[in-house]
């Protein structure tokens, strides 16, 4: 009877750990929506390439800032 009790306790302790391992990992969305802007008119933006309605220049892809990198503060550099 004592062995049955020990086995039952061991199964109850191991069961939650076994269920936790069966969860599917969550996939992160790595595709980012591209944005195109005019080099002369940064306020003009589009989700597809084309021409700027103000000056007719080709819209260029706007690069997303790299993660972990910060812009340098020019005021601090002048000190």
PDB file of N, CA and C in Angstrom:
ATOM      1  N   UNK A   1       0.831  -1.192   0.000  1.00  0.00           N
ATOM      2  CA  UNK A   1       0.000   0.000   0.000  1.00  0.00           C
ATOM      3  C   UNK A   1       0.875   1.256   0.000  1.00  0.00           C
ATOM      4  N   UNK A   2       1.984   1.189   0.736  1.00  0.00           N
ATOM      5  CA  UNK A   2       2.879   2.324   0.820  1.00  0.00           C
ATOM      6  C   UNK A   2       3.508   2.604  -0.551  1.00  0.00           C
ATOM      7  N   UNK A   3       3.847   1.560  -1.298  1.00  0.00           N
ATOM      8  CA  UNK A   3       4.451   1.734  -2.616  1.00  0.00           C
ATOM      9  C   UNK A   3       3.463   2.382  -3.583  1.00  0.00           C
ATOM     10  N   UNK A   4       2.206   1.993  -3.511  1.00  0.00           N
ATOM     11  CA  UNK A   4       1.176   2.575  -4.365  1.00  0.00           C
ATOM     12  C   UNK A   4       1.022   4.062  -4.075  1.00  0.00           C
ATOM     13  N   UNK A   5       1.079   4.422  -2.802  1.00  0.00           N
ATOM     14  CA  UNK A   5       0.965   5.817  -2.404  1.00  0.00           C
ATOM     15  C   UNK A   5       2.153   6.626  -2.943  1.00  0.00           C
ATOM     16  N   UNK A   6       3.352   6.097  -2.864  1.00  0.00           N
ATOM     17  CA  UNK A   6       4.549   6.777  -3.348  1.00  0.00           C
ATOM     18  C   UNK A   6       4.487   6.948  -4.873  1.00  0.00           C
ATOM     19  N   UNK A   7       4.036   5.924  -5.582  1.00  0.00           N
ATOM     20  CA  UNK A   7       3.916   5.997  -7.035  1.00  0.00           C
ATOM     21  C   UNK A   7       2.871   7.041  -7.425  1.00  0.00           C
ATOM     22  N   UNK A   8       1.754   7.090  -6.705  1.00  0.00           N
ATOM     23  CA  UNK A   8       0.697   8.057  -7.003  1.00  0.00           C
ATOM     24  C   UNK A   8       1.197   9.485  -6.783  1.00  0.00           C
ATOM     25  N   UNK A   9       1.929   9.727  -5.720  1.00  0.00           N
ATOM     26  CA  UNK A   9       2.487  11.057  -5.443  1.00  0.00           C
ATOM     27  C   UNK A   9       3.493  11.435  -6.526  1.00  0.00           C
ATOM     28  N   UNK A  10       4.328  10.497  -6.942  1.00  0.00           N
ATOM     29  CA  UNK A  10       5.327  10.766  -7.986  1.00  0.00           C
ATOM     30  C   UNK A  10       4.642  11.127  -9.305  1.00  0.00           C
ATOM     31  N   UNK A  11       3.576  10.440  -9.648  1.00  0.00           N
ATOM     32  CA  UNK A  11       2.851  10.745 -10.881  1.00  0.00           C
ATOM     33  C   UNK A  11       2.184  12.109 -10.815  1.00  0.00           C
ATOM     34  N   UNK A  12       1.627  12.446  -9.658  1.00  0.00           N
ATOM     35  CA  UNK A  12       0.980  13.743  -9.506  1.00  0.00           C
ATOM     36  C   UNK A  12       1.978  14.887  -9.591  1.00  0.00           C
ATOM     37  N   UNK A  13       3.183  14.671  -9.109  1.00  0.00           N
ATOM     38  CA  UNK A  13       4.215  15.713  -9.168  1.00  0.00           C
ATOM     39  C   UNK A  13       4.782  15.849 -10.582  1.00  0.00           C
ATOM     40  N   UNK A  14       4.894  14.762 -11.307  1.00  0.00           N
ATOM     41  CA  UNK A  14       5.501  14.780 -12.639  1.00  0.00           C
ATOM     42  C   UNK A  14       4.505  15.198 -13.718  1.00  0.00           C
ATOM     43  N   UNK A  15       3.220  15.055 -13.500  1.00  0.00           N
ATOM     44  CA  UNK A  15       2.216  15.341 -14.520  1.00  0.00           C
ATOM     45  C   UNK A  15       2.228  16.804 -14.982  1.00  0.00           C
ATOM     46  N   UNK A  16       2.243  17.792 -14.090  1.00  0.00           N
ATOM     47  CA  UNK A  16       2.251  19.184 -14.567  1.00  0.00           C
ATOM     48  C   UNK A  16       3.490  19.511 -15.404  1.00  0.00           C
ATOM     49  N   UNK A  17       4.618  18.962 -15.052  1.00  0.00           N
ATOM     50  CA  UNK A  17       5.836  19.222 -15.820  1.00  0.00           C
ATOM     51  C   UNK A  17       5.717  18.614 -17.218  1.00  0.00           C
ATOM     52  N   UNK A  18       5.106  17.476 -17.339  1.00  0.00           N
ATOM     53  CA  UNK A  18       4.924  16.849 -18.641  1.00  0.00           C
ATOM     54  C   UNK A  18       3.973  17.624 -19.526  1.00  0.00           C
ATOM     55  N   UNK A  19       2.921  18.181 -18.962  1.00  0.00           N
ATOM     56  CA  UNK A  19       1.985  18.968 -19.743  1.00  0.00           C
ATOM     57  C   UNK A  19       2.598  20.300 -20.167  1.00  0.00           C
ATOM     58  N   UNK A  20       3.433  20.875 -19.340  1.00  0.00           N
ATOM     59  CA  UNK A  20       4.062  22.154 -19.676  1.00  0.00           C
ATOM     60  C   UNK A  20       4.990  22.007 -20.870  1.00  0.00           C
ATOM     61  N   UNK A  21       5.578  20.865 -21.073  1.00  0.00           N
ATOM     62  CA  UNK A  21       6.493  20.649 -22.173  1.00  0.00           C
ATOM     63  C   UNK A  21       5.783  20.489 -23.510  1.00  0.00           C
ATOM     64  N   UNK A  22       4.492  20.255 -23.510  1.00  0.00           N
ATOM     65  CA  UNK A  22       3.771  19.978 -24.739  1.00  0.00           C
ATOM     66  C   UNK A  22       3.196  21.230 -25.393  1.00  0.00           C
ATOM     67  N   UNK A  23       3.386  22.394 -24.812  1.00  0.00           N
ATOM     68  CA  UNK A  23       2.858  23.607 -25.414  1.00  0.00           C
ATOM     69  C   UNK A  23       3.663  23.969 -26.647  1.00  0.00           C
ATOM     70  N   UNK A  24       2.960  24.449 -27.671  1.00  0.00           N
ATOM     71  CA  UNK A  24       3.630  24.857 -28.897  1.00  0.00           C
ATOM     72  C   UNK A  24       4.265  26.232 -28.692  1.00  0.00           C
ATOM     73  N   UNK A  25       5.468  26.433 -29.218  1.00  0.00           N
ATOM     74  CA  UNK A  25       6.100  27.744 -29.076  1.00  0.00           C
ATOM     75  C   UNK A  25       5.373  28.793 -29.910  1.00  0.00           C
ATOM     76  N   UNK A  26       5.340  29.998 -29.405  1.00  0.00           N
ATOM     77  CA  UNK A  26       4.676  31.098 -30.091  1.00  0.00           C
ATOM     78  C   UNK A  26       5.643  31.665 -31.122  1.00  0.00           C
ATOM     79  N   UNK A  27       5.185  31.772 -32.359  1.00  0.00           N
ATOM     80  CA  UNK A  27       6.023  32.326 -33.417  1.00  0.00           C
ATOM     81  C   UNK A  27       5.901  33.841 -33.415  1.00  0.00           C
ATOM     82  N   UNK A  28       7.041  34.499 -33.552  1.00  0.00           N
ATOM     83  CA  UNK A  28       7.056  35.950 -33.628  1.00  0.00           C
ATOM     84  C   UNK A  28       6.936  36.370 -35.084  1.00  0.00           C
ATOM     85  N   UNK A  29       6.223  37.436 -35.296  1.00  0.00           N
ATOM     86  CA  UNK A  29       6.097  37.969 -36.648  1.00  0.00           C
ATOM     87  C   UNK A  29       7.386  38.694 -36.996  1.00  0.00           C
ATOM     88  N   UNK A  30       8.110  38.185 -37.977  1.00  0.00           N
ATOM     89  CA  UNK A  30       9.369  38.807 -38.370  1.00  0.00           C
ATOM     90  C   UNK A  30       9.215  39.679 -39.601  1.00  0.00           C
ATOM     91  N   UNK A  31       8.111  39.556 -40.289  1.00  0.00           N
ATOM     92  CA  UNK A  31       7.907  40.389 -41.458  1.00  0.00           C
ATOM     93  C   UNK A  31       7.424  41.754 -41.017  1.00  0.00           C
ATOM     94  N   UNK A  32       8.105  42.759 -41.500  1.00  0.00           N
ATOM     95  CA  UNK A  32       7.725  44.113 -41.162  1.00  0.00           C
ATOM     96  C   UNK A  32       7.137  44.783 -42.393  1.00  0.00           C
ATOM     97  N   UNK A  33       6.192  45.638 -42.180  1.00  0.00           N
ATOM     98  CA  UNK A  33       5.576  46.362 -43.268  1.00  0.00           C
ATOM     99  C   UNK A  33       6.563  47.408 -43.779  1.00  0.00           C
ATOM    100  N   UNK A  34       6.817  47.400 -45.079  1.00  0.00           N
ATOM    101  CA  UNK A  34       7.749  48.351 -45.661  1.00  0.00           C
ATOM    102  C   UNK A  34       7.053  49.688 -45.880  1.00  0.00           C
ATOM    103  N   UNK A  35       7.801  50.757 -45.649  1.00  0.00           N
ATOM    104  CA  UNK A  35       7.307  52.103 -45.858  1.00  0.00           C
ATOM    105  C   UNK A  35       8.261  52.814 -46.804  1.00  0.00           C
ATOM    106  N   UNK A  36       7.712  53.514 -47.753  1.00  0.00           N
ATOM    107  CA  UNK A  36       8.511  54.255 -48.726  1.00  0.00           C
ATOM    108  C   UNK A  36       8.269  55.745 -48.527  1.00  0.00           C
ATOM    109  N   UNK A  37       9.366  56.541 -48.558  1.00  0.00           N
ATOM    110  CA  UNK A  37       9.265  57.982 -48.362  1.00  0.00           C
ATOM    111  C   UNK A  37      10.048  58.708 -49.442  1.00  0.00           C
ATOM    112  N   UNK A  38       9.754  59.988 -49.590  1.00  0.00           N
ATOM    113  CA  UNK A  38      10.476  60.839 -50.530  1.00  0.00           C
ATOM    114  C   UNK A  38      11.716  61.389 -49.830  1.00  0.00           C
ATOM    115  N   UNK A  39      12.882  61.357 -50.481  1.00  0.00           N
ATOM    116  CA  UNK A  39      14.087  61.912 -49.854  1.00  0.00           C
ATOM    117  C   UNK A  39      13.982  63.418 -49.597  1.00  0.00           C
ATOM    118  N   UNK A  40      13.231  64.123 -50.417  1.00  0.00           N
ATOM    119  CA  UNK A  40      13.096  65.572 -50.258  1.00  0.00           C
ATOM    120  C   UNK A  40      11.910  65.968 -49.381  1.00  0.00           C
ATOM    121  N   UNK A  41      10.916  65.120 -49.302  1.00  0.00           N
ATOM    122  CA  UNK A  41       9.704  65.411 -48.527  1.00  0.00           C
ATOM    123  C   UNK A  41       9.423  64.229 -47.589  1.00  0.00           C
ATOM    124  N   UNK A  42      10.052  64.192 -46.409  1.00  0.00           N
ATOM    125  CA  UNK A  42       9.878  63.040 -45.509  1.00  0.00           C
ATOM    126  C   UNK A  42       8.452  62.859 -44.992  1.00  0.00           C
ATOM    127  N   UNK A  43       7.623  63.878 -45.122  1.00  0.00           N
ATOM    128  CA  UNK A  43       6.231  63.741 -44.675  1.00  0.00           C
ATOM    129  C   UNK A  43       5.400  62.906 -45.649  1.00  0.00           C
ATOM    130  N   UNK A  44       5.900  62.716 -46.885  1.00  0.00           N
ATOM    131  CA  UNK A  44       5.213  61.884 -47.875  1.00  0.00           C
ATOM    132  C   UNK A  44       5.626  60.443 -47.640  1.00  0.00           C
ATOM    133  N   UNK A  45       4.670  59.565 -47.421  1.00  0.00           N
ATOM    134  CA  UNK A  45       4.989  58.159 -47.219  1.00  0.00           C
ATOM    135  C   UNK A  45       3.941  57.297 -47.919  1.00  0.00           C
ATOM    136  N   UNK A  46       4.370  56.077 -48.266  1.00  0.00           N
ATOM    137  CA  UNK A  46       3.495  55.149 -48.963  1.00  0.00           C
ATOM    138  C   UNK A  46       3.877  53.738 -48.572  1.00  0.00           C
ATOM    139  N   UNK A  47       2.939  52.798 -48.740  1.00  0.00           N
ATOM    140  CA  UNK A  47       3.236  51.399 -48.436  1.00  0.00           C
ATOM    141  C   UNK A  47       3.757  50.654 -49.658  1.00  0.00           C
ATOM    142  N   UNK A  48       3.898  51.358 -50.793  1.00  0.00           N
ATOM    143  CA  UNK A  48       4.434  50.738 -52.010  1.00  0.00           C
ATOM    144  C   UNK A  48       5.324  51.752 -52.722  1.00  0.00           C
ATOM    145  N   UNK A  49       6.281  51.285 -53.519  1.00  0.00           N
ATOM    146  CA  UNK A  49       7.149  52.215 -54.230  1.00  0.00           C
ATOM    147  C   UNK A  49       6.365  52.990 -55.290  1.00  0.00           C
ATOM    148  N   UNK A  50       6.888  54.158 -55.627  1.00  0.00           N
ATOM    149  CA  UNK A  50       6.220  54.988 -56.625  1.00  0.00           C
ATOM    150  C   UNK A  50       6.921  56.322 -56.735  1.00  0.00           C
ATOM    151  N   UNK A  51       6.184  57.355 -57.119  1.00  0.00           N
ATOM    152  CA  UNK A  51       6.719  58.715 -57.286  1.00  0.00           C
ATOM    153  C   UNK A  51       6.118  59.631 -56.224  1.00  0.00           C
ATOM    154  N   UNK A  52       6.912  60.616 -55.811  1.00  0.00           N
ATOM    155  CA  UNK A  52       6.449  61.620 -54.859  1.00  0.00           C
ATOM    156  C   UNK A  52       5.443  62.525 -55.577  1.00  0.00           C
ATOM    157  N   UNK A  53       4.276  62.777 -54.981  1.00  0.00           N
ATOM    158  CA  UNK A  53       3.287  63.636 -55.635  1.00  0.00           C
ATOM    159  C   UNK A  53       3.711  65.112 -55.665  1.00  0.00           C
ATOM    160  N   UNK A  54       4.675  65.503 -54.837  1.00  0.00           N
ATOM    161  CA  UNK A  54       5.101  66.903 -54.779  1.00  0.00           C
ATOM    162  C   UNK A  54       6.201  67.222 -55.788  1.00  0.00           C
ATOM    163  N   UNK A  55       7.215  66.311 -55.886  1.00  0.00           N
ATOM    164  CA  UNK A  55       8.356  66.619 -56.741  1.00  0.00           C
ATOM    165  C   UNK A  55       8.609  65.594 -57.837  1.00  0.00           C
ATOM    166  N   UNK A  56       7.980  64.444 -57.773  1.00  0.00           N
ATOM    167  CA  UNK A  56       8.140  63.437 -58.800  1.00  0.00           C
ATOM    168  C   UNK A  56       9.325  62.507 -58.616  1.00  0.00           C
ATOM    169  N   UNK A  57      10.073  62.659 -57.536  1.00  0.00           N
ATOM    170  CA  UNK A  57      11.214  61.776 -57.280  1.00  0.00           C
ATOM    171  C   UNK A  57      10.714  60.387 -56.896  1.00  0.00           C
ATOM    172  N   UNK A  58      11.561  59.386 -57.107  1.00  0.00           N
ATOM    173  CA  UNK A  58      11.219  58.027 -56.706  1.00  0.00           C
ATOM    174  C   UNK A  58      11.194  57.930 -55.188  1.00  0.00           C
ATOM    175  N   UNK A  59      10.199  57.236 -54.668  1.00  0.00           N
ATOM    176  CA  UNK A  59      10.140  56.989 -53.231  1.00  0.00           C
ATOM    177  C   UNK A  59      11.144  55.903 -52.889  1.00  0.00           C
ATOM    178  N   UNK A  60      11.828  56.062 -51.753  1.00  0.00           N
ATOM    179  CA  UNK A  60      12.828  55.090 -51.318  1.00  0.00           C
ATOM    180  C   UNK A  60      12.332  54.391 -50.061  1.00  0.00           C
ATOM    181  N   UNK A  61      12.817  53.170 -49.861  1.00  0.00           N
ATOM    182  CA  UNK A  61      12.392  52.394 -48.695  1.00  0.00           C
ATOM    183  C   UNK A  61      12.961  53.022 -47.428  1.00  0.00           C
ATOM    184  N   UNK A  62      12.105  53.208 -46.456  1.00  0.00           N
ATOM    185  CA  UNK A  62      12.521  53.773 -45.177  1.00  0.00           C
ATOM    186  C   UNK A  62      13.110  52.652 -44.345  1.00  0.00           C
ATOM    187  N   UNK A  63      14.332  52.816 -43.902  1.00  0.00           N
ATOM    188  CA  UNK A  63      15.009  51.807 -43.098  1.00  0.00           C
ATOM    189  C   UNK A  63      14.583  51.944 -41.645  1.00  0.00           C
ATOM    190  N   UNK A  64      14.234  50.829 -41.030  1.00  0.00           N
ATOM    191  CA  UNK A  64      13.871  50.825 -39.609  1.00  0.00           C
ATOM    192  C   UNK A  64      15.142  50.972 -38.785  1.00  0.00           C
ATOM    193  N   UNK A  65      15.094  51.710 -37.688  1.00  0.00           N
ATOM    194  CA  UNK A  65      16.287  51.838 -36.854  1.00  0.00           C
ATOM    195  C   UNK A  65      16.669  50.488 -36.264  1.00  0.00           C
ATOM    196  N   UNK A  66      17.963  50.231 -36.208  1.00  0.00           N
ATOM    197  CA  UNK A  66      18.454  48.965 -35.672  1.00  0.00           C
ATOM    198  C   UNK A  66      18.171  48.898 -34.182  1.00  0.00           C
ATOM    199  N   UNK A  67      17.755  47.727 -33.723  1.00  0.00           N
ATOM    200  CA  UNK A  67      17.457  47.560 -32.301  1.00  0.00           C
ATOM    201  C   UNK A  67      18.748  47.617 -31.504  1.00  0.00           C
ATOM    202  N   UNK A  68      18.689  48.270 -30.355  1.00  0.00           N
ATOM    203  CA  UNK A  68      19.836  48.323 -29.460  1.00  0.00           C
ATOM    204  C   UNK A  68      20.778  49.468 -29.771  1.00  0.00           C
ATOM    205  N   UNK A  69      20.609  50.138 -30.885  1.00  0.00           N
ATOM    206  CA  UNK A  69      21.469  51.257 -31.230  1.00  0.00           C
ATOM    207  C   UNK A  69      20.709  52.547 -31.008  1.00  0.00           C
ATOM    208  N   UNK A  70      21.386  53.507 -30.401  1.00  0.00           N
ATOM    209  CA  UNK A  70      20.777  54.799 -30.146  1.00  0.00           C
ATOM    210  C   UNK A  70      21.489  55.849 -30.974  1.00  0.00           C
ATOM    211  N   UNK A  71      20.760  56.877 -31.365  1.00  0.00           N
ATOM    212  CA  UNK A  71      21.376  57.972 -32.089  1.00  0.00           C
ATOM    213  C   UNK A  71      22.279  58.747 -31.139  1.00  0.00           C
ATOM    214  N   UNK A  72      23.386  59.203 -31.665  1.00  0.00           N
ATOM    215  CA  UNK A  72      24.308  59.989 -30.842  1.00  0.00           C
ATOM    216  C   UNK A  72      23.731  61.376 -30.635  1.00  0.00           C
ATOM    217  N   UNK A  73      23.889  61.878 -29.435  1.00  0.00           N
ATOM    218  CA  UNK A  73      23.428  63.211 -29.106  1.00  0.00           C
ATOM    219  C   UNK A  73      24.510  64.203 -29.537  1.00  0.00           C
ATOM    220  N   UNK A  74      24.220  65.021 -30.555  1.00  0.00           N
ATOM    221  CA  UNK A  74      25.236  65.944 -31.061  1.00  0.00           C
ATOM    222  C   UNK A  74      25.538  67.054 -30.061  1.00  0.00           C
ATOM    223  N   UNK A  75      24.584  67.418 -29.225  1.00  0.00           N
ATOM    224  CA  UNK A  75      24.830  68.452 -28.231  1.00  0.00           C
ATOM    225  C   UNK A  75      25.862  67.980 -27.210  1.00  0.00           C
ATOM    226  N   UNK A  76      25.820  66.725 -26.849  1.00  0.00           N
ATOM    227  CA  UNK A  76      26.775  66.190 -25.873  1.00  0.00           C
ATOM    228  C   UNK A  76      28.161  66.083 -26.496  1.00  0.00           C
ATOM    229  N   UNK A  77      28.237  65.894 -27.807  1.00  0.00           N
ATOM    230  CA  UNK A  77      29.521  65.745 -28.455  1.00  0.00           C
ATOM    231  C   UNK A  77      30.234  67.080 -28.587  1.00  0.00           C
ATOM    232  N   UNK A  78      29.514  68.200 -28.618  1.00  0.00           N
ATOM    233  CA  UNK A  78      30.107  69.533 -28.773  1.00  0.00           C
ATOM    234  C   UNK A  78      30.746  70.018 -27.499  1.00  0.00           C
ATOM    235  N   UNK A  79      30.454  69.417 -26.374  1.00  0.00           N
ATOM    236  CA  UNK A  79      30.970  69.866 -25.080  1.00  0.00           C
ATOM    237  C   UNK A  79      32.397  69.641 -24.991  1.00  0.00           C
TER     238      UNK A  79
END
